[in-house]
N, C-alpha and C. Protein backbone atom coordinates (compact mmCIF):
# COMPACT_ATOMS: atom_id res chain seq x y z
N MET A 1 -162.09 -48.82 -69.03
CA MET A 1 -160.94 -47.94 -68.91
C MET A 1 -161.40 -46.61 -68.30
N ALA A 2 -160.57 -46.04 -67.44
CA ALA A 2 -160.91 -44.79 -66.76
C ALA A 2 -160.84 -43.62 -67.73
N ASN A 3 -161.65 -42.62 -67.47
CA ASN A 3 -161.70 -41.43 -68.31
C ASN A 3 -161.12 -40.27 -67.49
N PHE A 4 -159.87 -39.87 -67.79
CA PHE A 4 -159.18 -38.83 -67.05
C PHE A 4 -159.14 -37.53 -67.85
N LEU A 5 -159.03 -36.42 -67.13
CA LEU A 5 -158.80 -35.13 -67.78
C LEU A 5 -157.39 -35.10 -68.34
N ASP A 6 -157.18 -34.28 -69.34
CA ASP A 6 -155.86 -34.15 -69.97
C ASP A 6 -154.86 -33.61 -68.96
N ASP A 7 -153.70 -34.22 -68.86
CA ASP A 7 -152.64 -33.82 -67.93
C ASP A 7 -151.38 -33.51 -68.71
N ASN A 8 -151.42 -32.49 -69.53
CA ASN A 8 -150.31 -32.14 -70.40
C ASN A 8 -149.66 -30.84 -69.92
N LEU A 9 -148.41 -30.92 -69.52
CA LEU A 9 -147.68 -29.73 -69.08
C LEU A 9 -147.08 -28.95 -70.23
N ASN A 10 -147.01 -29.55 -71.40
CA ASN A 10 -146.41 -28.90 -72.56
C ASN A 10 -147.48 -28.10 -73.30
N GLN A 11 -147.93 -27.02 -72.67
CA GLN A 11 -148.94 -26.18 -73.28
C GLN A 11 -148.76 -24.74 -72.81
N SER A 12 -149.19 -23.83 -73.61
CA SER A 12 -149.15 -22.41 -73.24
C SER A 12 -150.49 -22.01 -72.65
N VAL A 13 -150.41 -21.23 -71.58
CA VAL A 13 -151.62 -20.77 -70.92
C VAL A 13 -151.51 -19.25 -70.77
N PHE A 14 -152.53 -18.56 -71.13
CA PHE A 14 -152.56 -17.11 -70.98
C PHE A 14 -153.48 -16.77 -69.81
N LEU A 15 -152.91 -16.14 -68.80
CA LEU A 15 -153.67 -15.80 -67.60
C LEU A 15 -153.94 -14.31 -67.58
N ASP A 16 -155.14 -13.94 -67.23
CA ASP A 16 -155.51 -12.54 -67.10
C ASP A 16 -155.31 -12.15 -65.64
N ILE A 17 -154.20 -11.47 -65.35
CA ILE A 17 -153.85 -11.13 -63.97
C ILE A 17 -153.78 -9.62 -63.83
N ASN A 18 -154.51 -9.11 -62.88
CA ASN A 18 -154.41 -7.70 -62.51
C ASN A 18 -153.53 -7.65 -61.26
N TYR A 19 -152.35 -7.07 -61.39
CA TYR A 19 -151.39 -7.08 -60.28
C TYR A 19 -151.92 -6.36 -59.04
N LEU A 20 -152.71 -5.33 -59.23
CA LEU A 20 -153.27 -4.62 -58.08
C LEU A 20 -154.24 -5.51 -57.30
N GLU A 21 -154.99 -6.34 -58.01
CA GLU A 21 -155.89 -7.27 -57.33
C GLU A 21 -155.13 -8.38 -56.60
N VAL A 22 -153.96 -8.74 -57.13
CA VAL A 22 -153.14 -9.76 -56.48
C VAL A 22 -152.67 -9.26 -55.11
N LEU A 23 -152.34 -7.97 -55.03
CA LEU A 23 -151.87 -7.41 -53.77
C LEU A 23 -152.98 -7.36 -52.72
N GLY A 24 -154.21 -7.24 -53.16
CA GLY A 24 -155.34 -7.18 -52.23
C GLY A 24 -155.42 -5.81 -51.57
N GLU A 25 -156.41 -5.65 -50.71
CA GLU A 25 -156.56 -4.40 -49.98
C GLU A 25 -156.28 -4.65 -48.51
N ASN A 26 -155.80 -3.62 -47.85
CA ASN A 26 -155.48 -3.71 -46.42
C ASN A 26 -154.49 -4.83 -46.12
N THR A 27 -153.49 -4.96 -46.98
CA THR A 27 -152.41 -5.92 -46.75
C THR A 27 -151.10 -5.15 -46.70
N PHE A 28 -150.09 -5.78 -46.16
CA PHE A 28 -148.78 -5.14 -46.10
C PHE A 28 -148.26 -4.86 -47.51
N GLU A 29 -148.47 -5.79 -48.43
CA GLU A 29 -147.98 -5.64 -49.80
C GLU A 29 -148.61 -4.42 -50.47
N PHE A 30 -149.91 -4.25 -50.28
CA PHE A 30 -150.60 -3.10 -50.87
C PHE A 30 -150.11 -1.80 -50.24
N CYS A 31 -149.87 -1.82 -48.94
CA CYS A 31 -149.35 -0.65 -48.24
C CYS A 31 -147.96 -0.28 -48.77
N VAL A 32 -147.12 -1.27 -48.98
CA VAL A 32 -145.78 -1.03 -49.55
C VAL A 32 -145.93 -0.38 -50.92
N TYR A 33 -146.82 -0.93 -51.73
CA TYR A 33 -147.03 -0.37 -53.08
C TYR A 33 -147.48 1.09 -53.00
N GLN A 34 -148.51 1.36 -52.20
CA GLN A 34 -149.07 2.71 -52.12
C GLN A 34 -148.06 3.70 -51.56
N LEU A 35 -147.40 3.34 -50.48
CA LEU A 35 -146.47 4.28 -49.84
C LEU A 35 -145.26 4.58 -50.72
N VAL A 36 -144.64 3.53 -51.23
CA VAL A 36 -143.41 3.73 -52.02
C VAL A 36 -143.73 4.41 -53.35
N THR A 37 -144.82 4.06 -53.98
CA THR A 37 -145.14 4.59 -55.30
C THR A 37 -145.75 5.99 -55.24
N HIS A 38 -146.61 6.24 -54.26
CA HIS A 38 -147.38 7.47 -54.30
C HIS A 38 -147.11 8.46 -53.17
N GLN A 39 -146.58 8.03 -52.03
CA GLN A 39 -146.53 8.94 -50.90
C GLN A 39 -145.12 9.31 -50.43
N LEU A 40 -144.20 8.37 -50.40
CA LEU A 40 -142.88 8.66 -49.87
C LEU A 40 -142.04 9.42 -50.90
N ASP A 41 -141.17 10.29 -50.39
CA ASP A 41 -140.32 11.11 -51.25
C ASP A 41 -139.10 10.29 -51.69
N LEU A 42 -138.96 10.08 -52.99
CA LEU A 42 -137.87 9.26 -53.53
C LEU A 42 -136.85 10.08 -54.32
N THR A 43 -136.81 11.39 -54.11
CA THR A 43 -135.90 12.23 -54.88
C THR A 43 -134.44 11.89 -54.61
N GLU A 44 -134.12 11.41 -53.41
CA GLU A 44 -132.74 11.00 -53.12
C GLU A 44 -132.30 9.86 -54.03
N PHE A 45 -133.23 9.03 -54.45
CA PHE A 45 -132.92 7.89 -55.31
C PHE A 45 -132.91 8.31 -56.78
N THR A 46 -133.88 9.10 -57.20
CA THR A 46 -133.99 9.45 -58.62
C THR A 46 -132.94 10.45 -59.06
N ASP A 47 -132.42 11.26 -58.15
CA ASP A 47 -131.41 12.26 -58.52
C ASP A 47 -130.09 11.63 -58.97
N ARG A 48 -129.84 10.40 -58.63
CA ARG A 48 -128.57 9.74 -58.99
C ARG A 48 -128.54 9.26 -60.44
N TYR A 49 -129.68 9.19 -61.09
CA TYR A 49 -129.73 8.65 -62.45
C TYR A 49 -129.42 9.75 -63.46
N LYS A 50 -128.51 9.44 -64.40
CA LYS A 50 -128.08 10.40 -65.41
C LYS A 50 -128.18 9.80 -66.81
N ASN A 51 -129.20 9.01 -67.09
CA ASN A 51 -129.30 8.32 -68.39
C ASN A 51 -130.43 8.88 -69.25
N LYS A 52 -130.54 10.22 -69.32
CA LYS A 52 -131.65 10.82 -70.07
C LYS A 52 -131.55 10.59 -71.57
N SER A 53 -130.36 10.67 -72.13
CA SER A 53 -130.26 10.58 -73.58
C SER A 53 -129.54 9.33 -74.07
N VAL A 54 -128.76 8.68 -73.24
CA VAL A 54 -128.03 7.50 -73.68
C VAL A 54 -128.20 6.37 -72.67
N GLY A 55 -127.90 5.18 -73.14
CA GLY A 55 -127.92 4.04 -72.24
C GLY A 55 -129.27 3.36 -72.17
N ARG A 56 -129.26 2.23 -71.50
CA ARG A 56 -130.48 1.45 -71.32
C ARG A 56 -131.39 2.13 -70.31
N LYS A 57 -132.68 1.94 -70.47
CA LYS A 57 -133.61 2.48 -69.49
C LYS A 57 -133.41 1.76 -68.16
N ALA A 58 -133.45 2.51 -67.10
CA ALA A 58 -133.22 1.96 -65.77
C ALA A 58 -134.54 1.52 -65.15
N TYR A 59 -134.43 0.62 -64.18
CA TYR A 59 -135.61 0.27 -63.39
C TYR A 59 -135.97 1.45 -62.51
N PRO A 60 -137.23 1.79 -62.39
CA PRO A 60 -137.61 2.87 -61.51
C PRO A 60 -137.23 2.53 -60.06
N PRO A 61 -136.70 3.48 -59.32
CA PRO A 61 -136.33 3.20 -57.93
C PRO A 61 -137.52 2.70 -57.10
N ALA A 62 -138.72 3.18 -57.39
CA ALA A 62 -139.90 2.73 -56.64
C ALA A 62 -140.11 1.23 -56.83
N LEU A 63 -139.91 0.72 -58.03
CA LEU A 63 -140.07 -0.70 -58.31
C LEU A 63 -139.06 -1.51 -57.49
N LEU A 64 -137.80 -1.12 -57.53
CA LEU A 64 -136.77 -1.85 -56.79
C LEU A 64 -137.00 -1.76 -55.29
N LEU A 65 -137.42 -0.60 -54.81
CA LEU A 65 -137.68 -0.44 -53.38
C LEU A 65 -138.85 -1.31 -52.93
N ARG A 66 -139.90 -1.37 -53.73
CA ARG A 66 -141.04 -2.21 -53.37
C ARG A 66 -140.62 -3.67 -53.24
N VAL A 67 -139.87 -4.14 -54.20
CA VAL A 67 -139.44 -5.54 -54.21
C VAL A 67 -138.50 -5.82 -53.04
N ILE A 68 -137.53 -4.95 -52.84
CA ILE A 68 -136.54 -5.16 -51.76
C ILE A 68 -137.21 -5.07 -50.40
N PHE A 69 -138.06 -4.09 -50.19
CA PHE A 69 -138.73 -3.95 -48.88
C PHE A 69 -139.64 -5.14 -48.58
N TYR A 70 -140.35 -5.60 -49.59
CA TYR A 70 -141.21 -6.76 -49.36
C TYR A 70 -140.36 -8.00 -49.09
N ALA A 71 -139.24 -8.13 -49.78
CA ALA A 71 -138.35 -9.27 -49.52
C ALA A 71 -137.80 -9.20 -48.10
N TYR A 72 -137.38 -8.03 -47.67
CA TYR A 72 -136.88 -7.89 -46.30
C TYR A 72 -137.96 -8.21 -45.29
N TYR A 73 -139.18 -7.79 -45.57
CA TYR A 73 -140.31 -8.08 -44.69
C TYR A 73 -140.53 -9.59 -44.58
N ARG A 74 -140.34 -10.29 -45.68
CA ARG A 74 -140.51 -11.75 -45.69
C ARG A 74 -139.28 -12.49 -45.20
N GLY A 75 -138.20 -11.76 -44.88
CA GLY A 75 -136.99 -12.40 -44.38
C GLY A 75 -136.03 -12.83 -45.47
N ILE A 76 -136.22 -12.34 -46.67
CA ILE A 76 -135.35 -12.69 -47.80
C ILE A 76 -134.35 -11.55 -47.98
N THR A 77 -133.07 -11.82 -47.79
CA THR A 77 -132.06 -10.77 -47.93
C THR A 77 -131.09 -11.03 -49.08
N SER A 78 -131.11 -12.21 -49.65
CA SER A 78 -130.22 -12.53 -50.76
C SER A 78 -130.78 -11.96 -52.06
N SER A 79 -129.93 -11.27 -52.81
CA SER A 79 -130.39 -10.68 -54.07
C SER A 79 -130.74 -11.77 -55.09
N ARG A 80 -130.08 -12.90 -55.04
CA ARG A 80 -130.42 -14.01 -55.94
C ARG A 80 -131.80 -14.58 -55.59
N ALA A 81 -132.08 -14.68 -54.30
CA ALA A 81 -133.39 -15.18 -53.88
C ALA A 81 -134.49 -14.18 -54.24
N ILE A 82 -134.18 -12.88 -54.17
CA ILE A 82 -135.16 -11.86 -54.55
C ILE A 82 -135.45 -11.96 -56.04
N GLU A 83 -134.41 -12.13 -56.85
CA GLU A 83 -134.61 -12.29 -58.30
C GLU A 83 -135.46 -13.53 -58.58
N ARG A 84 -135.16 -14.63 -57.91
CA ARG A 84 -135.92 -15.87 -58.10
C ARG A 84 -137.38 -15.66 -57.71
N SER A 85 -137.61 -14.92 -56.63
CA SER A 85 -138.98 -14.66 -56.19
C SER A 85 -139.73 -13.81 -57.21
N CYS A 86 -139.04 -12.89 -57.87
CA CYS A 86 -139.68 -12.05 -58.89
C CYS A 86 -140.10 -12.88 -60.11
N LYS A 87 -139.51 -14.06 -60.26
CA LYS A 87 -139.87 -14.94 -61.37
C LYS A 87 -140.94 -15.95 -60.98
N THR A 88 -141.05 -16.27 -59.68
CA THR A 88 -141.91 -17.38 -59.27
C THR A 88 -143.06 -17.00 -58.34
N ASP A 89 -142.93 -15.94 -57.57
CA ASP A 89 -143.93 -15.56 -56.58
C ASP A 89 -144.82 -14.46 -57.14
N LEU A 90 -146.13 -14.67 -57.13
CA LEU A 90 -147.06 -13.74 -57.76
C LEU A 90 -147.06 -12.37 -57.08
N LYS A 91 -146.90 -12.32 -55.76
CA LYS A 91 -146.88 -11.02 -55.08
C LYS A 91 -145.61 -10.24 -55.43
N PHE A 92 -144.48 -10.92 -55.55
CA PHE A 92 -143.26 -10.25 -56.01
C PHE A 92 -143.43 -9.76 -57.45
N MET A 93 -144.05 -10.58 -58.29
CA MET A 93 -144.30 -10.17 -59.67
C MET A 93 -145.16 -8.91 -59.71
N ALA A 94 -146.17 -8.87 -58.85
CA ALA A 94 -147.05 -7.71 -58.82
C ALA A 94 -146.29 -6.47 -58.37
N LEU A 95 -145.48 -6.58 -57.33
CA LEU A 95 -144.72 -5.43 -56.85
C LEU A 95 -143.66 -4.99 -57.85
N ALA A 96 -143.18 -5.92 -58.66
CA ALA A 96 -142.18 -5.60 -59.68
C ALA A 96 -142.82 -5.26 -61.02
N SER A 97 -144.13 -5.14 -61.06
CA SER A 97 -144.87 -4.81 -62.29
C SER A 97 -144.56 -5.78 -63.42
N GLY A 98 -144.34 -7.04 -63.09
CA GLY A 98 -144.08 -8.05 -64.10
C GLY A 98 -142.64 -8.08 -64.59
N ARG A 99 -141.81 -7.23 -64.06
CA ARG A 99 -140.39 -7.20 -64.44
C ARG A 99 -139.60 -8.16 -63.56
N THR A 100 -138.44 -8.58 -64.05
CA THR A 100 -137.55 -9.42 -63.24
C THR A 100 -136.16 -8.83 -63.24
N PRO A 101 -135.89 -7.92 -62.30
CA PRO A 101 -134.55 -7.34 -62.25
C PRO A 101 -133.50 -8.39 -61.91
N HIS A 102 -132.35 -8.27 -62.54
CA HIS A 102 -131.24 -9.19 -62.32
C HIS A 102 -130.73 -9.03 -60.89
N PHE A 103 -130.17 -10.09 -60.33
CA PHE A 103 -129.72 -10.03 -58.94
C PHE A 103 -128.61 -9.00 -58.74
N THR A 104 -127.79 -8.76 -59.77
CA THR A 104 -126.74 -7.73 -59.61
C THR A 104 -127.35 -6.34 -59.57
N THR A 105 -128.43 -6.12 -60.29
CA THR A 105 -129.12 -4.83 -60.23
C THR A 105 -129.69 -4.61 -58.84
N ILE A 106 -130.28 -5.63 -58.27
CA ILE A 106 -130.85 -5.54 -56.92
C ILE A 106 -129.74 -5.29 -55.90
N ALA A 107 -128.66 -6.05 -56.01
CA ALA A 107 -127.55 -5.92 -55.05
C ALA A 107 -126.87 -4.55 -55.16
N ASP A 108 -126.64 -4.08 -56.39
CA ASP A 108 -126.02 -2.77 -56.58
C ASP A 108 -126.90 -1.64 -56.05
N PHE A 109 -128.19 -1.75 -56.28
CA PHE A 109 -129.12 -0.74 -55.80
C PHE A 109 -129.14 -0.72 -54.27
N ALA A 110 -129.24 -1.90 -53.67
CA ALA A 110 -129.31 -1.98 -52.20
C ALA A 110 -128.02 -1.50 -51.55
N SER A 111 -126.88 -1.87 -52.11
CA SER A 111 -125.62 -1.45 -51.49
C SER A 111 -125.31 0.02 -51.79
N GLY A 112 -125.77 0.54 -52.90
CA GLY A 112 -125.52 1.93 -53.24
C GLY A 112 -126.43 2.92 -52.53
N HIS A 113 -127.55 2.45 -52.01
CA HIS A 113 -128.50 3.33 -51.33
C HIS A 113 -128.80 2.85 -49.91
N CYS A 114 -127.82 2.30 -49.26
CA CYS A 114 -128.01 1.65 -47.96
C CYS A 114 -128.61 2.59 -46.91
N ASP A 115 -128.03 3.77 -46.72
CA ASP A 115 -128.51 4.68 -45.68
C ASP A 115 -129.91 5.21 -45.98
N GLU A 116 -130.15 5.57 -47.24
CA GLU A 116 -131.46 6.08 -47.62
C GLU A 116 -132.54 5.00 -47.46
N MET A 117 -132.18 3.77 -47.84
CA MET A 117 -133.14 2.67 -47.72
C MET A 117 -133.47 2.37 -46.27
N LYS A 118 -132.47 2.46 -45.41
CA LYS A 118 -132.70 2.18 -43.99
C LYS A 118 -133.72 3.16 -43.41
N ASP A 119 -133.55 4.44 -43.70
CA ASP A 119 -134.48 5.44 -43.20
C ASP A 119 -135.88 5.25 -43.78
N LEU A 120 -135.94 4.97 -45.08
CA LEU A 120 -137.23 4.78 -45.75
C LEU A 120 -137.95 3.52 -45.26
N PHE A 121 -137.20 2.45 -45.04
CA PHE A 121 -137.79 1.21 -44.54
C PHE A 121 -138.33 1.41 -43.13
N HIS A 122 -137.62 2.18 -42.33
CA HIS A 122 -138.09 2.48 -40.97
C HIS A 122 -139.40 3.26 -41.03
N LYS A 123 -139.47 4.28 -41.90
CA LYS A 123 -140.71 5.05 -42.06
C LYS A 123 -141.86 4.14 -42.51
N LEU A 124 -141.57 3.29 -43.48
CA LEU A 124 -142.58 2.39 -44.01
C LEU A 124 -143.11 1.46 -42.93
N LEU A 125 -142.23 0.88 -42.14
CA LEU A 125 -142.67 -0.03 -41.09
C LEU A 125 -143.46 0.70 -40.01
N MET A 126 -143.07 1.91 -39.69
CA MET A 126 -143.80 2.67 -38.67
C MET A 126 -145.22 3.00 -39.14
N ILE A 127 -145.36 3.39 -40.39
CA ILE A 127 -146.69 3.69 -40.94
C ILE A 127 -147.54 2.42 -40.97
N CYS A 128 -146.96 1.32 -41.41
CA CYS A 128 -147.70 0.06 -41.47
C CYS A 128 -148.05 -0.44 -40.07
N CYS A 129 -147.18 -0.21 -39.12
CA CYS A 129 -147.44 -0.62 -37.74
C CYS A 129 -148.61 0.17 -37.16
N LYS A 130 -148.63 1.49 -37.42
CA LYS A 130 -149.75 2.31 -36.96
C LYS A 130 -151.06 1.91 -37.62
N SER A 131 -150.99 1.39 -38.84
CA SER A 131 -152.19 0.95 -39.55
C SER A 131 -152.62 -0.45 -39.16
N GLY A 132 -151.81 -1.12 -38.35
CA GLY A 132 -152.15 -2.48 -37.92
C GLY A 132 -151.82 -3.55 -38.94
N LEU A 133 -150.91 -3.25 -39.86
CA LEU A 133 -150.57 -4.22 -40.91
C LEU A 133 -149.34 -5.05 -40.56
N VAL A 134 -148.67 -4.71 -39.49
CA VAL A 134 -147.49 -5.45 -39.07
C VAL A 134 -147.84 -6.13 -37.76
N GLY A 135 -147.55 -7.42 -37.67
CA GLY A 135 -147.96 -8.20 -36.52
C GLY A 135 -146.99 -8.16 -35.35
N ARG A 136 -146.26 -7.09 -35.19
CA ARG A 136 -145.33 -6.92 -34.07
C ARG A 136 -144.25 -8.01 -34.05
N GLU A 137 -143.84 -8.46 -35.23
CA GLU A 137 -142.75 -9.42 -35.30
C GLU A 137 -141.44 -8.69 -35.09
N HIS A 138 -140.39 -9.45 -34.92
CA HIS A 138 -139.06 -8.87 -34.76
C HIS A 138 -138.43 -8.70 -36.13
N PHE A 139 -138.03 -7.49 -36.46
CA PHE A 139 -137.37 -7.22 -37.73
C PHE A 139 -135.91 -6.94 -37.46
N ALA A 140 -135.03 -7.60 -38.16
CA ALA A 140 -133.60 -7.35 -38.03
C ALA A 140 -132.96 -7.57 -39.40
N ILE A 141 -132.29 -6.55 -39.86
CA ILE A 141 -131.56 -6.66 -41.12
C ILE A 141 -130.12 -6.34 -40.81
N ASP A 142 -129.30 -7.36 -40.87
CA ASP A 142 -127.91 -7.19 -40.48
C ASP A 142 -127.08 -8.19 -41.24
N GLY A 143 -125.95 -7.78 -41.70
CA GLY A 143 -125.08 -8.69 -42.42
C GLY A 143 -123.69 -8.73 -41.84
N CYS A 144 -123.54 -8.32 -40.59
CA CYS A 144 -122.20 -8.27 -40.02
C CYS A 144 -121.76 -9.65 -39.55
N LYS A 145 -120.47 -9.87 -39.61
CA LYS A 145 -119.89 -11.12 -39.12
C LYS A 145 -119.06 -10.77 -37.90
N LEU A 146 -119.30 -11.49 -36.83
CA LEU A 146 -118.61 -11.23 -35.58
C LEU A 146 -117.59 -12.32 -35.31
N PRO A 147 -116.44 -11.95 -34.77
CA PRO A 147 -115.46 -12.99 -34.41
C PRO A 147 -115.96 -13.77 -33.20
N SER A 148 -115.55 -15.02 -33.12
CA SER A 148 -115.96 -15.84 -31.98
C SER A 148 -114.76 -16.61 -31.45
N ASP A 149 -114.95 -17.21 -30.30
CA ASP A 149 -113.88 -17.98 -29.67
C ASP A 149 -113.90 -19.44 -30.07
N ALA A 150 -114.74 -19.81 -30.99
CA ALA A 150 -114.83 -21.20 -31.39
C ALA A 150 -113.73 -21.50 -32.39
N SER A 151 -112.75 -22.23 -31.97
CA SER A 151 -111.68 -22.62 -32.87
C SER A 151 -111.56 -24.13 -32.85
N LYS A 152 -110.82 -24.68 -33.78
CA LYS A 152 -110.69 -26.13 -33.87
C LYS A 152 -110.03 -26.70 -32.62
N GLU A 153 -109.15 -25.93 -31.99
CA GLU A 153 -108.46 -26.42 -30.81
C GLU A 153 -109.39 -26.52 -29.61
N TRP A 154 -110.41 -25.68 -29.52
CA TRP A 154 -111.23 -25.61 -28.33
C TRP A 154 -112.61 -26.23 -28.47
N SER A 155 -113.04 -26.56 -29.66
CA SER A 155 -114.41 -27.04 -29.82
C SER A 155 -114.47 -28.53 -30.10
N GLY A 156 -115.45 -29.17 -29.53
CA GLY A 156 -115.74 -30.56 -29.87
C GLY A 156 -114.87 -31.60 -29.22
N ARG A 157 -113.93 -31.23 -28.38
CA ARG A 157 -113.05 -32.22 -27.77
C ARG A 157 -113.00 -32.02 -26.26
N PRO A 158 -113.82 -32.72 -25.51
CA PRO A 158 -113.80 -32.56 -24.06
C PRO A 158 -112.53 -33.14 -23.43
N ASN A 159 -112.14 -32.57 -22.32
CA ASN A 159 -110.99 -33.02 -21.54
C ASN A 159 -109.70 -33.09 -22.35
N LYS A 160 -109.47 -32.10 -23.15
CA LYS A 160 -108.26 -32.03 -23.95
C LYS A 160 -107.29 -31.10 -23.27
N THR A 161 -106.03 -31.45 -23.24
CA THR A 161 -105.02 -30.59 -22.65
C THR A 161 -104.43 -29.73 -23.75
N VAL A 162 -104.42 -28.43 -23.50
CA VAL A 162 -103.90 -27.47 -24.46
C VAL A 162 -102.75 -26.73 -23.82
N THR A 163 -101.65 -26.59 -24.53
CA THR A 163 -100.50 -25.89 -24.00
C THR A 163 -100.65 -24.40 -24.28
N ILE A 164 -100.62 -23.60 -23.20
CA ILE A 164 -100.71 -22.16 -23.33
C ILE A 164 -99.43 -21.60 -22.73
N GLY A 165 -98.58 -21.11 -23.59
CA GLY A 165 -97.29 -20.61 -23.10
C GLY A 165 -96.49 -21.76 -22.51
N LYS A 166 -96.06 -21.63 -21.25
CA LYS A 166 -95.28 -22.68 -20.60
C LYS A 166 -96.14 -23.60 -19.75
N LYS A 167 -97.42 -23.21 -19.50
CA LYS A 167 -98.30 -24.01 -18.64
C LYS A 167 -99.24 -24.85 -19.49
N ALA A 168 -99.62 -25.98 -18.96
CA ALA A 168 -100.61 -26.83 -19.62
C ALA A 168 -101.95 -26.60 -18.95
N ALA A 169 -102.98 -26.36 -19.75
CA ALA A 169 -104.32 -26.13 -19.21
C ALA A 169 -105.23 -27.27 -19.67
N LYS A 170 -106.11 -27.69 -18.76
CA LYS A 170 -107.04 -28.77 -19.08
C LYS A 170 -108.40 -28.15 -19.38
N THR A 171 -108.98 -28.48 -20.52
CA THR A 171 -110.28 -27.95 -20.88
C THR A 171 -111.36 -28.91 -20.45
N GLU A 172 -112.55 -28.40 -20.24
CA GLU A 172 -113.66 -29.25 -19.84
C GLU A 172 -114.66 -29.36 -20.94
């Protein structure tokens, strides 16, 4: 009979993880952490909080910004996907300091600070680009929906005659 190692998933494992070591050095993730936490001015974000004596403690704006900026860098724009990444991806966990903000918290923060985040993200990318941490990829963050001419009457049916006003037009 073969002698196999134990393959039991029903067990608790305690891992010794240093989040700063997970980010590594000279990486985009580490640059996001350093810039957002220690160098960029976040007073525009912190001045909006008024929960000094009552209410639940809020997530620090630096934590949310780190997570959101890294998600945008990776092409993740859905707040639900960002929350899921904070639970499953080690680099997201490190940037979130082991916290898992709810997707509504992420969405409310991003929509409530849209203009400030845009300027800050631009600064962050420019600094990282000068440091050689960005590979000159195309970055686009846009959620607009544009009208199009694709309608059920005009798409998918070649050589269909469509009545426009009093004249009949033949489509190709």
